[in-house]
Amino acid sequence: MLVKFMTKGRPTIVNVNCIVGVRRDIEQKSNTEMTKIYLTTGLMVFVDEGMNEVHKLVNGVLNKIIEIDYSYDVPSVDEKFNSQYQRDTESDNQPRAYRPRQKYYNDQY
């Protein structure tokens, strides 16, 4: 059975039968507190939902109380290119400092 969680605004689908553990942790990349879901494959997934929401969703799906909507809006090619461009140009785009080429004694002919 699958459950749809959100990770930084993007949907993440997790198989409920593969969940081993759940805990709150800090994601290193964004330095934000998120819920970490451990899977039987050894992988882990960070999700935006809190611990209580994760437990409610998992128990609701297992007990067939909650039915999950798995719909997902696929972004257009232009939106993908634009988001990739934004990610690539977030840095300062400053040129690297000039470093003269080192002379090696082995390349004397």
PDB file of N, CA and C in Angstrom:
ATOM      1  N   MET A   1       0.841  -1.180   0.000  1.00  0.00           N
ATOM      2  CA  MET A   1       0.000   0.000   0.000  1.00  0.00           C
ATOM      3  C   MET A   1       0.881   1.236   0.000  1.00  0.00           C
ATOM      4  N   LEU A   2       0.493   2.202  -0.772  1.00  0.00           N
ATOM      5  CA  LEU A   2       1.289   3.402  -0.960  1.00  0.00           C
ATOM      6  C   LEU A   2       0.668   4.601  -0.259  1.00  0.00           C
ATOM      7  N   VAL A   3       1.531   5.485   0.231  1.00  0.00           N
ATOM      8  CA  VAL A   3       1.109   6.738   0.859  1.00  0.00           C
ATOM      9  C   VAL A   3       1.864   7.865   0.186  1.00  0.00           C
ATOM     10  N   LYS A   4       1.171   8.969  -0.063  1.00  0.00           N
ATOM     11  CA  LYS A   4       1.808  10.125  -0.694  1.00  0.00           C
ATOM     12  C   LYS A   4       2.144  11.155   0.383  1.00  0.00           C
ATOM     13  N   PHE A   5       3.430  11.439   0.522  1.00  0.00           N
ATOM     14  CA  PHE A   5       3.908  12.490   1.410  1.00  0.00           C
ATOM     15  C   PHE A   5       4.439  13.629   0.551  1.00  0.00           C
ATOM     16  N   MET A   6       4.746  14.748   1.187  1.00  0.00           N
ATOM     17  CA  MET A   6       5.324  15.887   0.482  1.00  0.00           C
ATOM     18  C   MET A   6       6.744  16.119   0.995  1.00  0.00           C
ATOM     19  N   THR A   7       7.670  16.344   0.061  1.00  0.00           N
ATOM     20  CA  THR A   7       9.041  16.665   0.399  1.00  0.00           C
ATOM     21  C   THR A   7       9.401  17.961  -0.309  1.00  0.00           C
ATOM     22  N   LYS A   8       9.506  19.027   0.454  1.00  0.00           N
ATOM     23  CA  LYS A   8       9.812  20.364  -0.080  1.00  0.00           C
ATOM     24  C   LYS A   8       8.845  20.748  -1.190  1.00  0.00           C
ATOM     25  N   GLY A   9       7.568  20.448  -0.996  1.00  0.00           N
ATOM     26  CA  GLY A   9       6.537  20.811  -1.957  1.00  0.00           C
ATOM     27  C   GLY A   9       6.362  19.839  -3.098  1.00  0.00           C
ATOM     28  N   ARG A  10       7.144  18.782  -3.163  1.00  0.00           N
ATOM     29  CA  ARG A  10       7.027  17.790  -4.222  1.00  0.00           C
ATOM     30  C   ARG A  10       6.497  16.486  -3.617  1.00  0.00           C
ATOM     31  N   PRO A  11       5.649  15.788  -4.348  1.00  0.00           N
ATOM     32  CA  PRO A  11       5.099  14.534  -3.812  1.00  0.00           C
ATOM     33  C   PRO A  11       6.139  13.419  -3.777  1.00  0.00           C
ATOM     34  N   THR A  12       6.075  12.645  -2.701  1.00  0.00           N
ATOM     35  CA  THR A  12       6.930  11.470  -2.533  1.00  0.00           C
ATOM     36  C   THR A  12       6.032  10.310  -2.143  1.00  0.00           C
ATOM     37  N   ILE A  13       6.061   9.253  -2.923  1.00  0.00           N
ATOM     38  CA  ILE A  13       5.201   8.093  -2.646  1.00  0.00           C
ATOM     39  C   ILE A  13       6.046   7.028  -1.965  1.00  0.00           C
ATOM     40  N   VAL A  14       5.535   6.524  -0.821  1.00  0.00           N
ATOM     41  CA  VAL A  14       6.251   5.546  -0.008  1.00  0.00           C
ATOM     42  C   VAL A  14       5.358   4.327   0.187  1.00  0.00           C
ATOM     43  N   ASN A  15       5.953   3.145   0.069  1.00  0.00           N
ATOM     44  CA  ASN A  15       5.236   1.902   0.337  1.00  0.00           C
ATOM     45  C   ASN A  15       5.165   1.715   1.849  1.00  0.00           C
ATOM     46  N   VAL A  16       3.954   1.618   2.392  1.00  0.00           N
ATOM     47  CA  VAL A  16       3.746   1.523   3.838  1.00  0.00           C
ATOM     48  C   VAL A  16       4.357   0.238   4.387  1.00  0.00           C
ATOM     49  N   ASN A  17       4.321  -0.837   3.609  1.00  0.00           N
ATOM     50  CA  ASN A  17       4.844  -2.115   4.081  1.00  0.00           C
ATOM     51  C   ASN A  17       6.361  -2.123   4.197  1.00  0.00           C
ATOM     52  N   CYS A  18       7.028  -1.130   3.628  1.00  0.00           N
ATOM     53  CA  CYS A  18       8.495  -1.058   3.674  1.00  0.00           C
ATOM     54  C   CYS A  18       9.014  -0.111   4.750  1.00  0.00           C
ATOM     55  N   ILE A  19       8.123   0.528   5.505  1.00  0.00           N
ATOM     56  CA  ILE A  19       8.548   1.480   6.533  1.00  0.00           C
ATOM     57  C   ILE A  19       9.041   0.714   7.761  1.00  0.00           C
ATOM     58  N   VAL A  20      10.253   1.048   8.204  1.00  0.00           N
ATOM     59  CA  VAL A  20      10.839   0.411   9.380  1.00  0.00           C
ATOM     60  C   VAL A  20      10.710   1.318  10.594  1.00  0.00           C
ATOM     61  N   GLY A  21      10.983   2.607  10.422  1.00  0.00           N
ATOM     62  CA  GLY A  21      10.937   3.534  11.540  1.00  0.00           C
ATOM     63  C   GLY A  21      10.727   4.955  11.068  1.00  0.00           C
ATOM     64  N   VAL A  22      10.309   5.804  12.026  1.00  0.00           N
ATOM     65  CA  VAL A  22      10.042   7.216  11.739  1.00  0.00           C
ATOM     66  C   VAL A  22      10.578   8.033  12.903  1.00  0.00           C
ATOM     67  N   ARG A  23      11.263   9.138  12.586  1.00  0.00           N
ATOM     68  CA  ARG A  23      11.713  10.047  13.648  1.00  0.00           C
ATOM     69  C   ARG A  23      11.944  11.435  13.076  1.00  0.00           C
ATOM     70  N   ARG A  24      12.005  12.426  13.947  1.00  0.00           N
ATOM     71  CA  ARG A  24      12.307  13.802  13.541  1.00  0.00           C
ATOM     72  C   ARG A  24      13.821  13.960  13.480  1.00  0.00           C
ATOM     73  N   ASP A  25      14.284  14.640  12.441  1.00  0.00           N
ATOM     74  CA  ASP A  25      15.716  14.838  12.270  1.00  0.00           C
ATOM     75  C   ASP A  25      15.940  16.113  11.464  1.00  0.00           C
ATOM     76  N   ILE A  26      17.163  16.568  11.403  1.00  0.00           N
ATOM     77  CA  ILE A  26      17.510  17.761  10.642  1.00  0.00           C
ATOM     78  C   ILE A  26      18.154  17.327   9.334  1.00  0.00           C
ATOM     79  N   GLU A  27      17.591  17.807   8.225  1.00  0.00           N
ATOM     80  CA  GLU A  27      18.173  17.511   6.924  1.00  0.00           C
ATOM     81  C   GLU A  27      19.395  18.392   6.737  1.00  0.00           C
ATOM     82  N   GLN A  28      20.496  17.784   6.320  1.00  0.00           N
ATOM     83  CA  GLN A  28      21.764  18.501   6.230  1.00  0.00           C
ATOM     84  C   GLN A  28      21.783  19.547   5.126  1.00  0.00           C
ATOM     85  N   LYS A  29      21.160  19.278   3.974  1.00  0.00           N
ATOM     86  CA  LYS A  29      21.237  20.198   2.838  1.00  0.00           C
ATOM     87  C   LYS A  29      20.561  21.527   3.137  1.00  0.00           C
ATOM     88  N   SER A  30      19.338  21.468   3.659  1.00  0.00           N
ATOM     89  CA  SER A  30      18.598  22.708   3.887  1.00  0.00           C
ATOM     90  C   SER A  30      18.624  23.145   5.344  1.00  0.00           C
ATOM     91  N   ASN A  31      19.182  22.320   6.227  1.00  0.00           N
ATOM     92  CA  ASN A  31      19.279  22.622   7.654  1.00  0.00           C
ATOM     93  C   ASN A  31      17.908  22.907   8.272  1.00  0.00           C
ATOM     94  N   THR A  32      16.894  22.138   7.849  1.00  0.00           N
ATOM     95  CA  THR A  32      15.553  22.275   8.402  1.00  0.00           C
ATOM     96  C   THR A  32      15.150  20.976   9.082  1.00  0.00           C
ATOM     97  N   GLU A  33      14.301  21.099  10.069  1.00  0.00           N
ATOM     98  CA  GLU A  33      13.820  19.918  10.783  1.00  0.00           C
ATOM     99  C   GLU A  33      12.691  19.280   9.987  1.00  0.00           C
ATOM    100  N   MET A  34      12.856  18.011   9.665  1.00  0.00           N
ATOM    101  CA  MET A  34      11.874  17.266   8.884  1.00  0.00           C
ATOM    102  C   MET A  34      11.705  15.884   9.504  1.00  0.00           C
ATOM    103  N   THR A  35      10.711  15.151   9.034  1.00  0.00           N
ATOM    104  CA  THR A  35      10.492  13.793   9.507  1.00  0.00           C
ATOM    105  C   THR A  35      11.234  12.838   8.588  1.00  0.00           C
ATOM    106  N   LYS A  36      12.025  11.957   9.192  1.00  0.00           N
ATOM    107  CA  LYS A  36      12.816  10.992   8.433  1.00  0.00           C
ATOM    108  C   LYS A  36      12.130   9.628   8.526  1.00  0.00           C
ATOM    109  N   ILE A  37      11.870   9.019   7.364  1.00  0.00           N
ATOM    110  CA  ILE A  37      11.247   7.699   7.299  1.00  0.00           C
ATOM    111  C   ILE A  37      12.304   6.705   6.836  1.00  0.00           C
ATOM    112  N   TYR A  38      12.533   5.677   7.647  1.00  0.00           N
ATOM    113  CA  TYR A  38      13.485   4.626   7.311  1.00  0.00           C
ATOM    114  C   TYR A  38      12.742   3.499   6.604  1.00  0.00           C
ATOM    115  N   LEU A  39      13.346   2.972   5.532  1.00  0.00           N
ATOM    116  CA  LEU A  39      12.725   1.914   4.743  1.00  0.00           C
ATOM    117  C   LEU A  39      13.525   0.618   4.874  1.00  0.00           C
ATOM    118  N   THR A  40      12.892  -0.514   4.530  1.00  0.00           N
ATOM    119  CA  THR A  40      13.544  -1.816   4.638  1.00  0.00           C
ATOM    120  C   THR A  40      14.723  -1.954   3.683  1.00  0.00           C
ATOM    121  N   THR A  41      14.761  -1.156   2.630  1.00  0.00           N
ATOM    122  CA  THR A  41      15.849  -1.232   1.662  1.00  0.00           C
ATOM    123  C   THR A  41      17.124  -0.570   2.175  1.00  0.00           C
ATOM    124  N   GLY A  42      17.054   0.070   3.340  1.00  0.00           N
ATOM    125  CA  GLY A  42      18.201   0.779   3.877  1.00  0.00           C
ATOM    126  C   GLY A  42      18.197   2.249   3.524  1.00  0.00           C
ATOM    127  N   LEU A  43      17.269   2.662   2.662  1.00  0.00           N
ATOM    128  CA  LEU A  43      17.163   4.069   2.286  1.00  0.00           C
ATOM    129  C   LEU A  43      16.342   4.825   3.317  1.00  0.00           C
ATOM    130  N   MET A  44      16.431   6.135   3.280  1.00  0.00           N
ATOM    131  CA  MET A  44      15.598   6.978   4.139  1.00  0.00           C
ATOM    132  C   MET A  44      15.051   8.132   3.316  1.00  0.00           C
ATOM    133  N   VAL A  45      13.877   8.608   3.724  1.00  0.00           N
ATOM    134  CA  VAL A  45      13.190   9.668   2.996  1.00  0.00           C
ATOM    135  C   VAL A  45      12.823  10.763   3.992  1.00  0.00           C
ATOM    136  N   PHE A  46      13.139  12.005   3.647  1.00  0.00           N
ATOM    137  CA  PHE A  46      12.706  13.139   4.456  1.00  0.00           C
ATOM    138  C   PHE A  46      11.364  13.629   3.920  1.00  0.00           C
ATOM    139  N   VAL A  47      10.406  13.889   4.820  1.00  0.00           N
ATOM    140  CA  VAL A  47       9.093  14.391   4.412  1.00  0.00           C
ATOM    141  C   VAL A  47       8.740  15.603   5.266  1.00  0.00           C
ATOM    142  N   ASP A  48       7.825  16.434   4.725  1.00  0.00           N
ATOM    143  CA  ASP A  48       7.416  17.659   5.412  1.00  0.00           C
ATOM    144  C   ASP A  48       6.440  17.404   6.557  1.00  0.00           C
ATOM    145  N   GLU A  49       5.654  16.332   6.467  1.00  0.00           N
ATOM    146  CA  GLU A  49       4.646  16.049   7.481  1.00  0.00           C
ATOM    147  C   GLU A  49       5.295  15.757   8.829  1.00  0.00           C
ATOM    148  N   GLY A  50       4.562  16.069   9.897  1.00  0.00           N
ATOM    149  CA  GLY A  50       5.049  15.801  11.241  1.00  0.00           C
ATOM    150  C   GLY A  50       4.857  14.336  11.620  1.00  0.00           C
ATOM    151  N   MET A  51       5.366  13.982  12.788  1.00  0.00           N
ATOM    152  CA  MET A  51       5.282  12.595  13.251  1.00  0.00           C
ATOM    153  C   MET A  51       3.835  12.126  13.363  1.00  0.00           C
ATOM    154  N   ASN A  52       2.976  12.957  13.953  1.00  0.00           N
ATOM    155  CA  ASN A  52       1.573  12.559  14.131  1.00  0.00           C
ATOM    156  C   ASN A  52       0.872  12.360  12.785  1.00  0.00           C
ATOM    157  N   GLU A  53       1.145  13.246  11.835  1.00  0.00           N
ATOM    158  CA  GLU A  53       0.525  13.108  10.514  1.00  0.00           C
ATOM    159  C   GLU A  53       0.982  11.834   9.818  1.00  0.00           C
ATOM    160  N   VAL A  54       2.273  11.523   9.932  1.00  0.00           N
ATOM    161  CA  VAL A  54       2.795  10.305   9.308  1.00  0.00           C
ATOM    162  C   VAL A  54       2.123   9.080   9.907  1.00  0.00           C
ATOM    163  N   HIS A  55       2.024   9.035  11.251  1.00  0.00           N
ATOM    164  CA  HIS A  55       1.396   7.881  11.905  1.00  0.00           C
ATOM    165  C   HIS A  55      -0.083   7.768  11.543  1.00  0.00           C
ATOM    166  N   LYS A  56      -0.780   8.906  11.475  1.00  0.00           N
ATOM    167  CA  LYS A  56      -2.199   8.869  11.097  1.00  0.00           C
ATOM    168  C   LYS A  56      -2.381   8.359   9.675  1.00  0.00           C
ATOM    169  N   LEU A  57      -1.555   8.853   8.751  1.00  0.00           N
ATOM    170  CA  LEU A  57      -1.658   8.415   7.362  1.00  0.00           C
ATOM    171  C   LEU A  57      -1.343   6.930   7.214  1.00  0.00           C
ATOM    172  N   VAL A  58      -0.270   6.481   7.846  1.00  0.00           N
ATOM    173  CA  VAL A  58       0.125   5.076   7.726  1.00  0.00           C
ATOM    174  C   VAL A  58      -0.931   4.164   8.341  1.00  0.00           C
ATOM    175  N   ASN A  59      -1.391   4.489   9.550  1.00  0.00           N
ATOM    176  CA  ASN A  59      -2.411   3.664  10.198  1.00  0.00           C
ATOM    177  C   ASN A  59      -3.735   3.726   9.452  1.00  0.00           C
ATOM    178  N   GLY A  60      -4.079   4.892   8.922  1.00  0.00           N
ATOM    179  CA  GLY A  60      -5.321   5.018   8.162  1.00  0.00           C
ATOM    180  C   GLY A  60      -5.308   4.190   6.887  1.00  0.00           C
ATOM    181  N   VAL A  61      -4.174   4.159   6.215  1.00  0.00           N
ATOM    182  CA  VAL A  61      -4.066   3.361   4.990  1.00  0.00           C
ATOM    183  C   VAL A  61      -4.068   1.869   5.322  1.00  0.00           C
ATOM    184  N   LEU A  62      -3.358   1.478   6.374  1.00  0.00           N
ATOM    185  CA  LEU A  62      -3.321   0.066   6.745  1.00  0.00           C
ATOM    186  C   LEU A  62      -4.684  -0.440   7.203  1.00  0.00           C
ATOM    187  N   ASN A  63      -5.442   0.398   7.904  1.00  0.00           N
ATOM    188  CA  ASN A  63      -6.768   0.006   8.388  1.00  0.00           C
ATOM    189  C   ASN A  63      -7.867   0.309   7.372  1.00  0.00           C
ATOM    190  N   LYS A  64      -7.470   0.805   6.202  1.00  0.00           N
ATOM    191  CA  LYS A  64      -8.384   1.136   5.099  1.00  0.00           C
ATOM    192  C   LYS A  64      -9.424   2.179   5.495  1.00  0.00           C
ATOM    193  N   ILE A  65      -9.017   3.114   6.324  1.00  0.00           N
ATOM    194  CA  ILE A  65      -9.881   4.229   6.726  1.00  0.00           C
ATOM    195  C   ILE A  65      -9.691   5.401   5.773  1.00  0.00           C
ATOM    196  N   ILE A  66      -8.449   5.648   5.364  1.00  0.00           N
ATOM    197  CA  ILE A  66      -8.109   6.782   4.512  1.00  0.00           C
ATOM    198  C   ILE A  66      -7.809   6.277   3.107  1.00  0.00           C
ATOM    199  N   GLU A  67      -8.340   6.983   2.119  1.00  0.00           N
ATOM    200  CA  GLU A  67      -7.995   6.698   0.740  1.00  0.00           C
ATOM    201  C   GLU A  67      -7.170   7.873   0.219  1.00  0.00           C
ATOM    202  N   ILE A  68      -6.009   7.571  -0.292  1.00  0.00           N
ATOM    203  CA  ILE A  68      -5.052   8.602  -0.698  1.00  0.00           C
ATOM    204  C   ILE A  68      -5.281   8.992  -2.154  1.00  0.00           C
ATOM    205  N   ASP A  69      -5.177  10.292  -2.421  1.00  0.00           N
ATOM    206  CA  ASP A  69      -5.238  10.802  -3.791  1.00  0.00           C
ATOM    207  C   ASP A  69      -3.811  10.834  -4.329  1.00  0.00           C
ATOM    208  N   TYR A  70      -3.529  10.052  -5.353  1.00  0.00           N
ATOM    209  CA  TYR A  70      -2.190   9.940  -5.903  1.00  0.00           C
ATOM    210  C   TYR A  70      -1.966  10.852  -7.107  1.00  0.00           C
ATOM    211  N   SER A  71      -2.841  11.779  -7.356  1.00  0.00           N
ATOM    212  CA  SER A  71      -2.689  12.631  -8.531  1.00  0.00           C
ATOM    213  C   SER A  71      -1.449  13.521  -8.385  1.00  0.00           C
ATOM    214  N   TYR A  72      -0.859  13.819  -9.508  1.00  0.00           N
ATOM    215  CA  TYR A  72       0.358  14.629  -9.530  1.00  0.00           C
ATOM    216  C   TYR A  72       0.358  15.453 -10.804  1.00  0.00           C
ATOM    217  N   ASP A  73       0.549  16.754 -10.677  1.00  0.00           N
ATOM    218  CA  ASP A  73       0.621  17.639 -11.828  1.00  0.00           C
ATOM    219  C   ASP A  73       2.032  17.582 -12.402  1.00  0.00           C
ATOM    220  N   VAL A  74       2.133  17.134 -13.630  1.00  0.00           N
ATOM    221  CA  VAL A  74       3.431  17.038 -14.284  1.00  0.00           C
ATOM    222  C   VAL A  74       3.788  18.413 -14.846  1.00  0.00           C
ATOM    223  N   PRO A  75       4.957  18.960 -14.451  1.00  0.00           N
ATOM    224  CA  PRO A  75       5.333  20.268 -14.971  1.00  0.00           C
ATOM    225  C   PRO A  75       5.672  20.190 -16.457  1.00  0.00           C
ATOM    226  N   SER A  76       5.435  21.289 -17.149  1.00  0.00           N
ATOM    227  CA  SER A  76       5.746  21.329 -18.574  1.00  0.00           C
ATOM    228  C   SER A  76       7.259  21.416 -18.769  1.00  0.00           C
ATOM    229  N   VAL A  77       7.692  21.249 -20.003  1.00  0.00           N
ATOM    230  CA  VAL A  77       9.113  21.297 -20.319  1.00  0.00           C
ATOM    231  C   VAL A  77       9.670  22.690 -20.014  1.00  0.00           C
ATOM    232  N   ASP A  78       8.900  23.730 -20.338  1.00  0.00           N
ATOM    233  CA  ASP A  78       9.352  25.096 -20.052  1.00  0.00           C
ATOM    234  C   ASP A  78       9.547  25.316 -18.555  1.00  0.00           C
ATOM    235  N   GLU A  79       8.618  24.798 -17.747  1.00  0.00           N
ATOM    236  CA  GLU A  79       8.742  24.945 -16.298  1.00  0.00           C
ATOM    237  C   GLU A  79       9.971  24.201 -15.778  1.00  0.00           C
ATOM    238  N   LYS A  80      10.236  23.009 -16.326  1.00  0.00           N
ATOM    239  CA  LYS A  80      11.416  22.251 -15.908  1.00  0.00           C
ATOM    240  C   LYS A  80      12.700  22.989 -16.270  1.00  0.00           C
ATOM    241  N   PHE A  81      12.772  23.514 -17.506  1.00  0.00           N
ATOM    242  CA  PHE A  81      13.951  24.263 -17.915  1.00  0.00           C
ATOM    243  C   PHE A  81      14.138  25.502 -17.057  1.00  0.00           C
ATOM    244  N   ASN A  82      13.051  26.199 -16.768  1.00  0.00           N
ATOM    245  CA  ASN A  82      13.123  27.410 -15.964  1.00  0.00           C
ATOM    246  C   ASN A  82      13.602  27.087 -14.546  1.00  0.00           C
ATOM    247  N   SER A  83      13.068  26.030 -13.934  1.00  0.00           N
ATOM    248  CA  SER A  83      13.491  25.681 -12.580  1.00  0.00           C
ATOM    249  C   SER A  83      14.949  25.232 -12.564  1.00  0.00           C
ATOM    250  N   GLN A  84      15.369  24.487 -13.586  1.00  0.00           N
ATOM    251  CA  GLN A  84      16.769  24.065 -13.668  1.00  0.00           C
ATOM    252  C   GLN A  84      17.682  25.281 -13.848  1.00  0.00           C
ATOM    253  N   TYR A  85      17.268  26.239 -14.674  1.00  0.00           N
ATOM    254  CA  TYR A  85      18.048  27.452 -14.876  1.00  0.00           C
ATOM    255  C   TYR A  85      18.165  28.240 -13.575  1.00  0.00           C
ATOM    256  N   GLN A  86      17.068  28.334 -12.837  1.00  0.00           N
ATOM    257  CA  GLN A  86      17.088  29.056 -11.564  1.00  0.00           C
ATOM    258  C   GLN A  86      18.030  28.395 -10.573  1.00  0.00           C
ATOM    259  N   ARG A  87      18.019  27.046 -10.538  1.00  0.00           N
ATOM    260  CA  ARG A  87      18.916  26.329  -9.631  1.00  0.00           C
ATOM    261  C   ARG A  87      20.375  26.518 -10.038  1.00  0.00           C
ATOM    262  N   ASP A  88      20.630  26.508 -11.332  1.00  0.00           N
ATOM    263  CA  ASP A  88      22.005  26.628 -11.805  1.00  0.00           C
ATOM    264  C   ASP A  88      22.565  28.034 -11.637  1.00  0.00           C
ATOM    265  N   THR A  89      21.722  29.050 -11.659  1.00  0.00           N
ATOM    266  CA  THR A  89      22.204  30.432 -11.580  1.00  0.00           C
ATOM    267  C   THR A  89      22.050  31.035 -10.196  1.00  0.00           C
ATOM    268  N   GLU A  90      21.788  30.214  -9.185  1.00  0.00           N
ATOM    269  CA  GLU A  90      21.658  30.750  -7.834  1.00  0.00           C
ATOM    270  C   GLU A  90      22.987  31.270  -7.300  1.00  0.00           C
ATOM    271  N   SER A  91      24.098  30.701  -7.766  1.00  0.00           N
ATOM    272  CA  SER A  91      25.405  31.138  -7.276  1.00  0.00           C
ATOM    273  C   SER A  91      25.726  32.529  -7.829  1.00  0.00           C
ATOM    274  N   ASP A  92      26.813  33.077  -7.366  1.00  0.00           N
ATOM    275  CA  ASP A  92      27.190  34.441  -7.745  1.00  0.00           C
ATOM    276  C   ASP A  92      27.673  34.545  -9.183  1.00  0.00           C
ATOM    277  N   ASN A  93      28.084  33.433  -9.769  1.00  0.00           N
ATOM    278  CA  ASN A  93      28.666  33.422 -11.109  1.00  0.00           C
ATOM    279  C   ASN A  93      29.900  34.316 -11.202  1.00  0.00           C
ATOM    280  N   GLN A  94      30.647  34.380 -10.135  1.00  0.00           N
ATOM    281  CA  GLN A  94      31.882  35.148 -10.129  1.00  0.00           C
ATOM    282  C   GLN A  94      32.982  34.310 -10.769  1.00  0.00           C
ATOM    283  N   PRO A  95      33.811  34.931 -11.591  1.00  0.00           N
ATOM    284  CA  PRO A  95      34.910  34.157 -12.183  1.00  0.00           C
ATOM    285  C   PRO A  95      35.902  33.728 -11.113  1.00  0.00           C
ATOM    286  N   ARG A  96      36.546  32.616 -11.380  1.00  0.00           N
ATOM    287  CA  ARG A  96      37.540  32.120 -10.439  1.00  0.00           C
ATOM    288  C   ARG A  96      38.761  33.028 -10.441  1.00  0.00           C
ATOM    289  N   ALA A  97      39.447  33.034  -9.328  1.00  0.00           N
ATOM    290  CA  ALA A  97      40.660  33.840  -9.230  1.00  0.00           C
ATOM    291  C   ALA A  97      41.722  33.256 -10.160  1.00  0.00           C
ATOM    292  N   TYR A  98      42.506  34.147 -10.747  1.00  0.00           N
ATOM    293  CA  TYR A  98      43.539  33.715 -11.680  1.00  0.00           C
ATOM    294  C   TYR A  98      44.657  33.020 -10.919  1.00  0.00           C
ATOM    295  N   ARG A  99      44.999  31.822 -11.359  1.00  0.00           N
ATOM    296  CA  ARG A  99      46.102  31.085 -10.772  1.00  0.00           C
ATOM    297  C   ARG A  99      47.082  30.747 -11.879  1.00  0.00           C
ATOM    298  N   PRO A 100      48.314  31.245 -11.804  1.00  0.00           N
ATOM    299  CA  PRO A 100      49.272  30.916 -12.869  1.00  0.00           C
ATOM    300  C   PRO A 100      49.580  29.420 -12.858  1.00  0.00           C
ATOM    301  N   ARG A 101      49.852  28.924 -14.029  1.00  0.00           N
ATOM    302  CA  ARG A 101      50.145  27.504 -14.166  1.00  0.00           C
ATOM    303  C   ARG A 101      51.467  27.190 -13.478  1.00  0.00           C
ATOM    304  N   GLN A 102      51.470  26.086 -12.736  1.00  0.00           N
ATOM    305  CA  GLN A 102      52.678  25.692 -12.036  1.00  0.00           C
ATOM    306  C   GLN A 102      53.652  25.057 -13.020  1.00  0.00           C
ATOM    307  N   LYS A 103      54.911  25.308 -12.786  1.00  0.00           N
ATOM    308  CA  LYS A 103      55.930  24.693 -13.640  1.00  0.00           C
ATOM    309  C   LYS A 103      56.384  23.405 -12.976  1.00  0.00           C
ATOM    310  N   TYR A 104      56.334  22.372 -13.737  1.00  0.00           N
ATOM    311  CA  TYR A 104      56.803  21.079 -13.240  1.00  0.00           C
ATOM    312  C   TYR A 104      58.163  20.772 -13.886  1.00  0.00           C
ATOM    313  N   TYR A 105      59.028  20.219 -13.124  1.00  0.00           N
ATOM    314  CA  TYR A 105      60.373  19.931 -13.618  1.00  0.00           C
ATOM    315  C   TYR A 105      60.379  18.713 -14.548  1.00  0.00           C
ATOM    316  N   ASN A 106      59.356  17.874 -14.483  1.00  0.00           N
ATOM    317  CA  ASN A 106      59.326  16.669 -15.308  1.00  0.00           C
ATOM    318  C   ASN A 106      58.922  16.956 -16.761  1.00  0.00           C
ATOM    319  N   ASP A 107      58.323  18.087 -17.037  1.00  0.00           N
ATOM    320  CA  ASP A 107      57.877  18.331 -18.408  1.00  0.00           C
ATOM    321  C   ASP A 107      58.879  19.191 -19.195  1.00  0.00           C
ATOM    322  N   GLN A 108      60.137  19.143 -18.820  1.00  0.00           N
ATOM    323  CA  GLN A 108      61.166  19.821 -19.594  1.00  0.00           C
ATOM    324  C   GLN A 108      61.638  18.869 -20.688  1.00  0.00           C
ATOM    325  N   TYR A 109      61.656  19.310 -21.889  1.00  0.00           N
ATOM    326  CA  TYR A 109      62.058  18.441 -23.007  1.00  0.00           C
ATOM    327  C   TYR A 109      63.405  18.828 -23.510  1.00  0.00           C
TER     328      TYR A 109
END
